[in-house]
């Protein structure tokens, strides 16, 4: 949740629902202030879209024309509550009011690419834009989510068969003679191998030491922190 990569311009997530939205608007402000030809893509879900700080961010971004793309990833269920039970309107792309919005099929990689290209250019030239990706979450929100109280297994299977983005790309590549089934199978097996190696590394890695609790937390390691004891028992 709190992974960051400064060199890659990736500023991570946030433990507070929707709190990454004002942070994204702040980054976009910094880009404009420093006159950098970049935009900030600020992503959040349909559940977070109901948070008050989201609309405060819209307002500030529009006032000073921050180069910010607000991306709502609408997977229809938030943490487990269907959109129609948790939102007064399911059209999140229109909630920007004074900010233009676009709704698109987030399961279609080509459509997502084109919308992204347009949104980036718009944000650079005119300021914030709101885009809503209609997508779907196959698994429960967390390990404690049985995912059977708000949908059925049949619903999930139907989406997998009709809208799955990876399956769609697979079909396009084969039908347009851009790749063969064998080539795609080889790529898939290679990816599975990488994942298996990463899982094995994580499962067999040594447990971090207590001083590691300080790693990348403070610029300078403190000599004392109240309530924290790092000495071995």
Protein backbone atom coordinates (compact mmCIF):
# COMPACT_ATOMS: atom_id res chain seq x y z
CA UNK A 1 0.00 0.00 0.00
CA UNK A 2 2.83 2.38 0.78
CA UNK A 3 5.24 1.51 -2.03
CA UNK A 4 6.99 4.44 -3.68
CA UNK A 5 9.41 4.82 -6.56
CA UNK A 6 10.60 8.41 -6.84
CA UNK A 7 12.76 7.80 -9.92
CA UNK A 8 9.78 6.24 -11.67
CA UNK A 9 7.46 9.08 -10.59
CA UNK A 10 5.26 6.60 -8.73
CA UNK A 11 4.03 8.06 -5.44
CA UNK A 12 2.22 5.07 -4.03
CA UNK A 13 -1.11 4.58 -2.36
CA UNK A 14 -2.56 5.59 0.95
CA UNK A 15 -4.08 3.84 3.95
CA UNK A 16 -6.94 6.37 4.13
CA UNK A 17 -9.66 5.81 1.54
CA UNK A 18 -9.46 8.55 -1.08
CA UNK A 19 -6.51 10.33 0.56
CA UNK A 20 -4.33 9.83 -2.51
CA UNK A 21 -6.60 12.20 -4.47
CA UNK A 22 -5.54 15.47 -2.74
CA UNK A 23 -1.95 14.20 -2.84
CA UNK A 24 -2.28 13.73 -6.59
CA UNK A 25 -3.72 17.22 -6.98
CA UNK A 26 -0.77 18.55 -4.97
CA UNK A 27 1.71 16.78 -7.24
CA UNK A 28 -0.07 18.25 -10.26
CA UNK A 29 0.22 21.70 -8.67
CA UNK A 30 3.96 21.14 -8.21
CA UNK A 31 4.30 20.15 -11.86
CA UNK A 32 2.63 23.39 -12.94
CA UNK A 33 4.59 25.49 -10.46
CA UNK A 34 7.89 24.00 -11.64
CA UNK A 35 6.78 24.32 -15.29
CA UNK A 36 7.30 20.64 -16.01
CA UNK A 37 5.58 19.22 -19.12
CA UNK A 38 3.99 16.37 -17.20
CA UNK A 39 0.61 15.38 -15.77
CA UNK A 40 -0.31 13.52 -12.60
CA UNK A 41 -2.56 10.48 -12.99
CA UNK A 42 -4.56 10.21 -9.77
CA UNK A 43 -6.41 6.89 -9.49
CA UNK A 44 -9.11 5.88 -7.00
CA UNK A 45 -12.09 3.55 -6.85
CA UNK A 46 -15.84 4.01 -6.97
CA UNK A 47 -16.00 3.69 -3.17
CA UNK A 48 -13.37 6.40 -2.63
CA UNK A 49 -15.21 8.61 -5.12
CA UNK A 50 -17.75 9.37 -2.38
CA UNK A 51 -15.16 10.95 -0.07
CA UNK A 52 -15.41 14.69 0.54
CA UNK A 53 -11.70 15.33 -0.02
CA UNK A 54 -12.12 14.13 -3.61
CA UNK A 55 -14.39 17.07 -4.42
CA UNK A 56 -12.17 19.52 -2.60
CA UNK A 57 -9.38 18.33 -4.88
CA UNK A 58 -11.55 18.76 -7.97
CA UNK A 59 -12.29 22.33 -6.91
CA UNK A 60 -8.67 23.31 -6.28
CA UNK A 61 -7.44 21.61 -9.45
CA UNK A 62 -10.02 23.42 -11.57
CA UNK A 63 -9.43 26.83 -10.00
CA UNK A 64 -5.77 26.91 -10.97
CA UNK A 65 -5.91 24.46 -13.89
CA UNK A 66 -3.65 21.76 -12.47
CA UNK A 67 -2.45 19.19 -15.06
CA UNK A 68 -4.24 16.36 -13.29
CA UNK A 69 -6.10 13.32 -14.62
CA UNK A 70 -8.58 12.03 -12.04
CA UNK A 71 -9.16 8.34 -12.85
CA UNK A 72 -12.09 6.54 -11.23
CA UNK A 73 -11.67 2.78 -11.46
CA UNK A 74 -15.30 1.73 -11.20
CA UNK A 75 -15.40 -2.01 -10.50
CA UNK A 76 -19.05 -1.76 -9.39
CA UNK A 77 -18.67 -2.98 -5.80
CA UNK A 78 -16.30 -0.76 -3.75
CA UNK A 79 -15.38 -2.89 -0.69
CA UNK A 80 -18.45 -5.03 -1.20
CA UNK A 81 -21.33 -2.59 -1.61
CA UNK A 82 -22.84 -2.37 -5.12
CA UNK A 83 -22.70 1.07 -6.70
CA UNK A 84 -26.48 1.48 -6.67
CA UNK A 85 -26.55 1.01 -2.86
CA UNK A 86 -23.63 3.31 -2.04
CA UNK A 87 -23.83 6.14 -4.56
CA UNK A 88 -26.64 8.51 -5.48
CA UNK A 89 -25.47 8.31 -9.08
CA UNK A 90 -23.41 5.65 -10.78
CA UNK A 91 -22.07 8.06 -13.41
CA UNK A 92 -18.84 9.03 -11.70
CA UNK A 93 -17.40 10.74 -14.79
CA UNK A 94 -20.10 13.43 -14.45
CA UNK A 95 -19.37 14.19 -10.80
CA UNK A 96 -16.66 16.67 -11.62
CA UNK A 97 -19.45 19.13 -12.52
CA UNK A 98 -17.19 21.91 -13.85
CA UNK A 99 -14.50 19.39 -14.88
CA UNK A 100 -15.13 17.53 -18.16
CA UNK A 101 -15.52 13.77 -17.88
CA UNK A 102 -15.24 10.66 -20.05
CA UNK A 103 -16.58 7.19 -19.31
CA UNK A 104 -14.98 4.24 -21.14
CA UNK A 105 -14.61 0.47 -21.12
CA UNK A 106 -11.70 -0.11 -18.77
CA UNK A 107 -11.51 -3.76 -19.87
CA UNK A 108 -10.61 -2.70 -23.42
CA UNK A 109 -6.87 -1.97 -23.54
CA UNK A 110 -7.04 -0.11 -26.87
CA UNK A 111 -9.85 2.15 -25.72
CA UNK A 112 -8.01 2.80 -22.46
CA UNK A 113 -4.90 3.78 -24.40
CA UNK A 114 -6.75 6.28 -26.59
CA UNK A 115 -8.65 7.83 -23.68
CA UNK A 116 -5.38 8.14 -21.79
CA UNK A 117 -3.67 9.89 -24.69
CA UNK A 118 -6.52 12.37 -25.04
CA UNK A 119 -6.75 13.01 -21.28
CA UNK A 120 -3.02 13.67 -21.02
CA UNK A 121 -3.07 16.23 -23.80
CA UNK A 122 -6.16 17.90 -22.38
CA UNK A 123 -4.65 18.12 -18.89
CA UNK A 124 -1.46 19.67 -20.25
CA UNK A 125 -3.31 22.31 -22.26
CA UNK A 126 -6.47 23.05 -20.26
CA UNK A 127 -6.28 21.59 -16.78
CA UNK A 128 -7.96 18.74 -14.90
CA UNK A 129 -10.08 16.06 -16.52
CA UNK A 130 -12.08 13.22 -14.99
CA UNK A 131 -12.12 9.79 -16.62
CA UNK A 132 -14.08 6.74 -15.45
CA UNK A 133 -12.97 3.22 -16.33
CA UNK A 134 -15.78 0.67 -16.19
CA UNK A 135 -14.02 -2.46 -15.00
CA UNK A 136 -14.64 -5.50 -12.81
CA UNK A 137 -13.02 -7.09 -9.76
CA UNK A 138 -12.88 -10.87 -9.98
CA UNK A 139 -11.84 -11.52 -6.38
CA UNK A 140 -13.17 -10.26 -3.08
CA UNK A 141 -11.95 -6.98 -1.68
CA UNK A 142 -9.84 -8.78 0.92
CA UNK A 143 -9.29 -12.21 2.45
CA UNK A 144 -12.27 -11.61 4.74
CA UNK A 145 -14.59 -10.87 1.80
CA UNK A 146 -16.65 -13.99 0.92
CA UNK A 147 -17.85 -12.19 -2.25
CA UNK A 148 -21.10 -14.16 -2.24
CA UNK A 149 -23.36 -11.63 -0.55
CA UNK A 150 -23.40 -9.10 -3.37
CA UNK A 151 -22.93 -11.21 -6.51
CA UNK A 152 -22.87 -14.81 -7.72
CA UNK A 153 -20.12 -16.98 -9.18
CA UNK A 154 -22.13 -17.02 -12.41
CA UNK A 155 -21.85 -13.23 -12.62
CA UNK A 156 -18.06 -13.38 -12.31
CA UNK A 157 -17.72 -16.22 -14.83
CA UNK A 158 -19.83 -14.31 -17.36
CA UNK A 159 -17.55 -11.28 -17.17
CA UNK A 160 -14.47 -13.49 -17.55
CA UNK A 161 -15.91 -15.04 -20.70
CA UNK A 162 -17.19 -11.84 -22.32
CA UNK A 163 -14.99 -8.95 -21.18
CA UNK A 164 -11.68 -10.19 -19.78
CA UNK A 165 -9.00 -7.79 -21.13
CA UNK A 166 -6.22 -10.38 -21.38
CA UNK A 167 -8.48 -12.81 -23.24
CA UNK A 168 -9.58 -10.02 -25.60
CA UNK A 169 -5.99 -9.11 -26.49
CA UNK A 170 -5.19 -12.80 -26.96
CA UNK A 171 -8.04 -13.14 -29.46
CA UNK A 172 -7.09 -9.96 -31.32
CA UNK A 173 -3.46 -11.01 -31.69
CA UNK A 174 -4.34 -14.45 -33.02
CA UNK A 175 -7.20 -13.38 -35.31
CA UNK A 176 -5.06 -10.63 -36.87
CA UNK A 177 -2.06 -12.94 -37.32
CA UNK A 178 0.09 -10.84 -35.00
CA UNK A 179 1.01 -13.84 -32.86
CA UNK A 180 0.41 -17.58 -32.74
CA UNK A 181 -1.12 -19.62 -29.95
CA UNK A 182 2.28 -21.21 -29.29
CA UNK A 183 3.99 -17.82 -28.96
CA UNK A 184 1.37 -16.56 -26.53
CA UNK A 185 1.55 -19.78 -24.52
CA UNK A 186 5.31 -19.35 -24.26
CA UNK A 187 4.88 -15.79 -22.95
CA UNK A 188 2.27 -16.96 -20.44
CA UNK A 189 4.53 -19.74 -19.14
CA UNK A 190 7.43 -17.29 -18.82
CA UNK A 191 5.30 -14.93 -16.72
CA UNK A 192 4.07 -17.76 -14.51
CA UNK A 193 7.68 -18.77 -13.91
CA UNK A 194 8.60 -15.22 -12.85
CA UNK A 195 5.67 -15.10 -10.44
CA UNK A 196 6.54 -18.51 -8.97
CA UNK A 197 10.16 -17.41 -8.45
CA UNK A 198 9.04 -14.19 -6.72
CA UNK A 199 6.67 -16.11 -4.42
CA UNK A 200 9.40 -18.60 -3.56
CA UNK A 201 11.85 -15.80 -2.76
CA UNK A 202 9.34 -14.06 -0.50
CA UNK A 203 8.33 -17.25 1.29
CA UNK A 204 11.92 -18.24 1.99
CA UNK A 205 13.45 -14.84 2.76
CA UNK A 206 14.79 -14.13 6.21
CA UNK A 207 12.52 -12.23 8.56
CA UNK A 208 13.47 -8.54 8.81
CA UNK A 209 15.35 -7.45 11.90
CA UNK A 210 13.89 -4.95 14.34
CA UNK A 211 16.15 -2.08 13.17
CA UNK A 212 14.61 -2.59 9.71
CA UNK A 213 11.50 -0.92 11.11
CA UNK A 214 13.37 2.36 10.65
CA UNK A 215 14.49 1.70 7.06
CA UNK A 216 13.32 4.42 4.66
CA UNK A 217 11.08 5.90 7.36
CA UNK A 218 13.26 8.76 8.61
CA UNK A 219 15.86 10.82 6.79
CA UNK A 220 18.06 10.49 9.85
CA UNK A 221 17.63 7.59 12.24
CA UNK A 222 16.25 8.89 15.54
CA UNK A 223 17.96 8.05 18.81
CA UNK A 224 14.68 7.52 20.59
CA UNK A 225 11.06 6.92 19.60
CA UNK A 226 8.41 6.78 22.30
CA UNK A 227 6.74 3.40 22.65
CA UNK A 228 9.26 1.57 20.44
CA UNK A 229 11.88 -0.80 21.85
CA UNK A 230 14.36 -2.17 19.33
CA UNK A 231 16.61 -4.16 21.66
CA UNK A 232 16.38 -7.94 21.53
CA UNK A 233 14.34 -9.57 24.30
